[in-house]
N, C-alpha and C. Protein backbone atom coordinates (compact mmCIF):
# COMPACT_ATOMS: atom_id res chain seq x y z
N UNK A 1 -3.78 123.74 -94.35
CA UNK A 1 -2.45 124.19 -94.68
C UNK A 1 -2.25 125.66 -94.28
N UNK A 2 -3.21 126.52 -94.67
CA UNK A 2 -3.12 127.92 -94.31
C UNK A 2 -4.14 128.21 -93.21
N UNK A 3 -3.80 129.08 -92.27
CA UNK A 3 -4.78 129.41 -91.23
C UNK A 3 -5.95 130.18 -91.84
N UNK A 4 -7.13 129.99 -91.25
CA UNK A 4 -8.32 130.67 -91.75
C UNK A 4 -8.27 132.17 -91.48
N UNK A 5 -7.77 132.54 -90.32
CA UNK A 5 -7.71 133.95 -89.96
C UNK A 5 -6.29 134.33 -89.60
N UNK A 6 -5.89 135.49 -90.05
CA UNK A 6 -4.60 136.02 -89.64
C UNK A 6 -4.74 136.64 -88.26
N UNK A 7 -3.69 136.61 -87.46
CA UNK A 7 -3.79 137.24 -86.15
C UNK A 7 -3.94 138.76 -86.33
N UNK A 8 -4.69 139.40 -85.44
CA UNK A 8 -4.88 140.85 -85.58
C UNK A 8 -3.57 141.59 -85.33
N UNK A 9 -3.41 142.69 -86.05
CA UNK A 9 -2.21 143.51 -85.88
C UNK A 9 -2.35 144.36 -84.63
N UNK A 10 -1.24 144.58 -83.98
CA UNK A 10 -1.25 145.46 -82.81
C UNK A 10 -1.43 146.90 -83.29
N UNK A 11 -1.74 147.77 -82.36
CA UNK A 11 -1.94 149.17 -82.72
C UNK A 11 -0.66 149.77 -83.30
N UNK A 12 0.46 149.41 -82.71
CA UNK A 12 1.75 149.92 -83.19
C UNK A 12 2.02 149.44 -84.61
N UNK A 13 1.74 148.18 -84.89
CA UNK A 13 1.97 147.63 -86.23
C UNK A 13 1.07 148.32 -87.25
N UNK A 14 -0.20 148.58 -86.87
CA UNK A 14 -1.11 149.28 -87.79
C UNK A 14 -0.62 150.68 -88.09
N UNK A 15 -0.14 151.39 -87.06
CA UNK A 15 0.37 152.74 -87.27
C UNK A 15 1.62 152.74 -88.15
N UNK A 16 2.51 151.78 -87.92
CA UNK A 16 3.71 151.69 -88.75
C UNK A 16 3.36 151.35 -90.20
N UNK A 17 2.40 150.46 -90.38
CA UNK A 17 1.96 150.11 -91.73
C UNK A 17 1.33 151.31 -92.42
N UNK A 18 0.49 152.05 -91.71
CA UNK A 18 -0.13 153.24 -92.26
C UNK A 18 0.92 154.30 -92.61
N UNK A 19 1.91 154.47 -91.75
CA UNK A 19 2.98 155.43 -92.02
C UNK A 19 3.79 155.01 -93.24
N UNK A 20 4.06 153.73 -93.39
CA UNK A 20 4.82 153.25 -94.54
C UNK A 20 4.04 153.45 -95.83
N UNK A 21 2.75 153.15 -95.81
CA UNK A 21 1.92 153.34 -97.00
C UNK A 21 1.83 154.83 -97.35
N UNK A 22 1.71 155.67 -96.33
CA UNK A 22 1.67 157.11 -96.56
C UNK A 22 2.95 157.64 -97.17
N UNK A 23 4.07 157.15 -96.70
CA UNK A 23 5.36 157.60 -97.25
C UNK A 23 5.54 157.14 -98.68
N UNK A 24 5.14 155.92 -98.97
CA UNK A 24 5.25 155.42 -100.34
C UNK A 24 4.35 156.24 -101.27
N UNK A 25 3.13 156.54 -100.81
CA UNK A 25 2.22 157.35 -101.62
C UNK A 25 2.80 158.74 -101.86
N UNK A 26 3.39 159.32 -100.83
CA UNK A 26 4.00 160.64 -100.97
C UNK A 26 5.17 160.61 -101.94
N UNK A 27 5.97 159.55 -101.89
CA UNK A 27 7.09 159.43 -102.82
C UNK A 27 6.62 159.26 -104.26
N UNK A 28 5.48 158.64 -104.45
CA UNK A 28 4.97 158.44 -105.80
C UNK A 28 4.26 159.68 -106.33
N UNK A 29 3.50 160.37 -105.49
CA UNK A 29 2.67 161.49 -105.93
C UNK A 29 3.39 162.82 -105.76
N UNK A 30 4.23 162.94 -104.76
CA UNK A 30 4.89 164.21 -104.45
C UNK A 30 5.63 164.85 -105.61
N UNK A 31 6.50 164.13 -106.30
CA UNK A 31 7.22 164.76 -107.41
C UNK A 31 6.30 165.28 -108.52
N UNK A 32 5.22 164.59 -108.78
CA UNK A 32 4.28 165.07 -109.80
C UNK A 32 3.60 166.36 -109.36
N UNK A 33 3.25 166.44 -108.08
CA UNK A 33 2.62 167.66 -107.58
C UNK A 33 3.59 168.84 -107.62
N UNK A 34 4.83 168.59 -107.25
CA UNK A 34 5.84 169.65 -107.29
C UNK A 34 6.06 170.10 -108.73
N UNK A 35 6.15 169.15 -109.66
CA UNK A 35 6.34 169.49 -111.07
C UNK A 35 5.17 170.31 -111.61
N UNK A 36 3.95 169.92 -111.26
CA UNK A 36 2.77 170.66 -111.71
C UNK A 36 2.77 172.08 -111.15
N UNK A 37 3.14 172.22 -109.89
CA UNK A 37 3.17 173.55 -109.27
C UNK A 37 4.25 174.43 -109.89
N UNK A 38 5.42 173.86 -110.14
CA UNK A 38 6.50 174.63 -110.77
C UNK A 38 6.09 175.07 -112.17
N UNK A 39 5.48 174.17 -112.93
CA UNK A 39 5.00 174.55 -114.27
C UNK A 39 3.93 175.63 -114.19
N UNK A 40 3.03 175.51 -113.21
CA UNK A 40 1.99 176.52 -113.02
C UNK A 40 2.63 177.90 -112.78
N UNK A 41 3.63 177.94 -111.92
CA UNK A 41 4.31 179.21 -111.64
C UNK A 41 5.05 179.73 -112.87
N UNK A 42 5.76 178.85 -113.58
CA UNK A 42 6.54 179.29 -114.72
C UNK A 42 5.65 179.79 -115.86
N UNK A 43 4.61 179.03 -116.19
CA UNK A 43 3.72 179.47 -117.26
C UNK A 43 3.01 180.77 -116.88
N UNK A 44 2.72 180.96 -115.59
CA UNK A 44 2.14 182.22 -115.16
C UNK A 44 3.12 183.37 -115.28
N UNK A 45 4.38 183.11 -115.02
CA UNK A 45 5.41 184.14 -115.09
C UNK A 45 5.61 184.63 -116.52
N UNK A 46 5.50 183.74 -117.49
CA UNK A 46 5.68 184.14 -118.89
C UNK A 46 4.34 184.44 -119.56
N UNK A 47 3.30 184.60 -118.76
CA UNK A 47 1.95 184.97 -119.23
C UNK A 47 1.34 183.97 -120.19
N UNK A 48 1.61 182.69 -119.98
CA UNK A 48 1.00 181.64 -120.79
C UNK A 48 0.33 180.59 -119.90
N UNK A 49 -0.25 181.03 -118.80
CA UNK A 49 -0.87 180.08 -117.88
C UNK A 49 -2.02 179.34 -118.56
N UNK A 50 -2.70 179.98 -119.51
CA UNK A 50 -3.81 179.31 -120.20
C UNK A 50 -3.31 178.10 -120.98
N UNK A 51 -2.07 178.15 -121.46
CA UNK A 51 -1.49 177.00 -122.16
C UNK A 51 -1.34 175.84 -121.19
N UNK A 52 -0.84 176.12 -119.99
CA UNK A 52 -0.66 175.06 -119.00
C UNK A 52 -2.01 174.48 -118.56
N UNK A 53 -3.01 175.34 -118.42
CA UNK A 53 -4.34 174.86 -118.05
C UNK A 53 -4.88 173.93 -119.13
N UNK A 54 -4.66 174.29 -120.40
CA UNK A 54 -5.10 173.44 -121.51
C UNK A 54 -4.38 172.09 -121.47
N UNK A 55 -3.09 172.10 -121.24
CA UNK A 55 -2.32 170.85 -121.16
C UNK A 55 -2.83 170.01 -119.99
N UNK A 56 -3.03 170.62 -118.86
CA UNK A 56 -3.49 169.90 -117.67
C UNK A 56 -4.88 169.31 -117.88
N UNK A 57 -5.80 170.09 -118.43
CA UNK A 57 -7.16 169.59 -118.67
C UNK A 57 -7.16 168.48 -119.72
N UNK A 58 -6.29 168.58 -120.71
CA UNK A 58 -6.19 167.52 -121.72
C UNK A 58 -5.70 166.23 -121.09
N UNK A 59 -4.70 166.32 -120.23
CA UNK A 59 -4.19 165.12 -119.55
C UNK A 59 -5.27 164.48 -118.68
N UNK A 60 -6.01 165.30 -117.97
CA UNK A 60 -7.08 164.78 -117.11
C UNK A 60 -8.16 164.13 -117.96
N UNK A 61 -8.54 164.76 -119.07
CA UNK A 61 -9.58 164.20 -119.94
C UNK A 61 -9.15 162.87 -120.54
N UNK A 62 -7.90 162.78 -120.97
CA UNK A 62 -7.40 161.52 -121.53
C UNK A 62 -7.37 160.44 -120.46
N UNK A 63 -6.95 160.79 -119.25
CA UNK A 63 -6.93 159.83 -118.15
C UNK A 63 -8.33 159.29 -117.87
N UNK A 64 -9.30 160.20 -117.79
CA UNK A 64 -10.68 159.78 -117.51
C UNK A 64 -11.22 158.92 -118.63
N UNK A 65 -10.96 159.30 -119.89
CA UNK A 65 -11.46 158.52 -121.02
C UNK A 65 -10.87 157.11 -121.02
N UNK A 66 -9.57 157.00 -120.81
CA UNK A 66 -8.93 155.68 -120.80
C UNK A 66 -9.43 154.86 -119.62
N UNK A 67 -9.59 155.49 -118.46
CA UNK A 67 -10.09 154.77 -117.29
C UNK A 67 -11.50 154.24 -117.54
N UNK A 68 -12.35 155.04 -118.18
CA UNK A 68 -13.71 154.58 -118.48
C UNK A 68 -13.71 153.44 -119.48
N UNK A 69 -12.88 153.54 -120.51
CA UNK A 69 -12.83 152.46 -121.51
C UNK A 69 -12.31 151.17 -120.87
N UNK A 70 -11.22 151.26 -120.14
CA UNK A 70 -10.68 150.05 -119.51
C UNK A 70 -11.61 149.50 -118.43
N UNK A 71 -12.18 150.37 -117.63
CA UNK A 71 -13.12 149.93 -116.61
C UNK A 71 -14.35 149.27 -117.23
N UNK A 72 -14.85 149.86 -118.31
CA UNK A 72 -15.99 149.26 -119.01
C UNK A 72 -15.65 147.92 -119.61
N UNK A 73 -14.46 147.80 -120.17
CA UNK A 73 -14.02 146.53 -120.75
C UNK A 73 -13.92 145.45 -119.68
N UNK A 74 -13.32 145.78 -118.56
CA UNK A 74 -13.21 144.81 -117.47
C UNK A 74 -14.60 144.45 -116.94
N UNK A 75 -15.46 145.44 -116.78
CA UNK A 75 -16.81 145.19 -116.27
C UNK A 75 -17.58 144.28 -117.22
N UNK A 76 -17.56 144.60 -118.52
CA UNK A 76 -18.29 143.78 -119.48
C UNK A 76 -17.70 142.38 -119.57
N UNK A 77 -16.39 142.26 -119.49
CA UNK A 77 -15.76 140.95 -119.50
C UNK A 77 -16.16 140.13 -118.29
N UNK A 78 -16.25 140.78 -117.15
CA UNK A 78 -16.67 140.08 -115.93
C UNK A 78 -18.12 139.62 -116.05
N UNK A 79 -18.98 140.49 -116.56
CA UNK A 79 -20.39 140.12 -116.74
C UNK A 79 -20.50 138.96 -117.73
N UNK A 80 -19.76 139.04 -118.82
CA UNK A 80 -19.79 137.97 -119.83
C UNK A 80 -19.35 136.64 -119.22
N UNK A 81 -18.24 136.66 -118.50
CA UNK A 81 -17.73 135.42 -117.92
C UNK A 81 -18.64 134.88 -116.82
N UNK A 82 -19.32 135.75 -116.09
CA UNK A 82 -20.19 135.26 -115.03
C UNK A 82 -21.47 134.62 -115.58
N UNK A 83 -21.89 135.02 -116.77
CA UNK A 83 -23.11 134.46 -117.37
C UNK A 83 -22.81 133.35 -118.38
N UNK A 84 -21.58 133.00 -118.53
CA UNK A 84 -21.18 132.04 -119.56
C UNK A 84 -21.43 130.60 -119.18
N UNK A 85 -21.67 130.29 -117.97
CA UNK A 85 -21.83 128.92 -117.50
C UNK A 85 -22.67 128.15 -118.41
């Protein structure tokens, strides 16, 4: 019903696909980077840059902690299901 292999993409198609993925990534990440930079400048201007650094490090720490918990849960669930036979 379905072919075993998809036909290879031409060089032009690969470049267009890469450009589209790059633009989508930039649209998703760009505003956050601009916001972080503007906050960095503003907090520095009012002499509270250490507050922004604390906020930023807290966000990163929470992200890493949640990623580890969820990744561990998925990993352990996968191990459990693979040995359940």
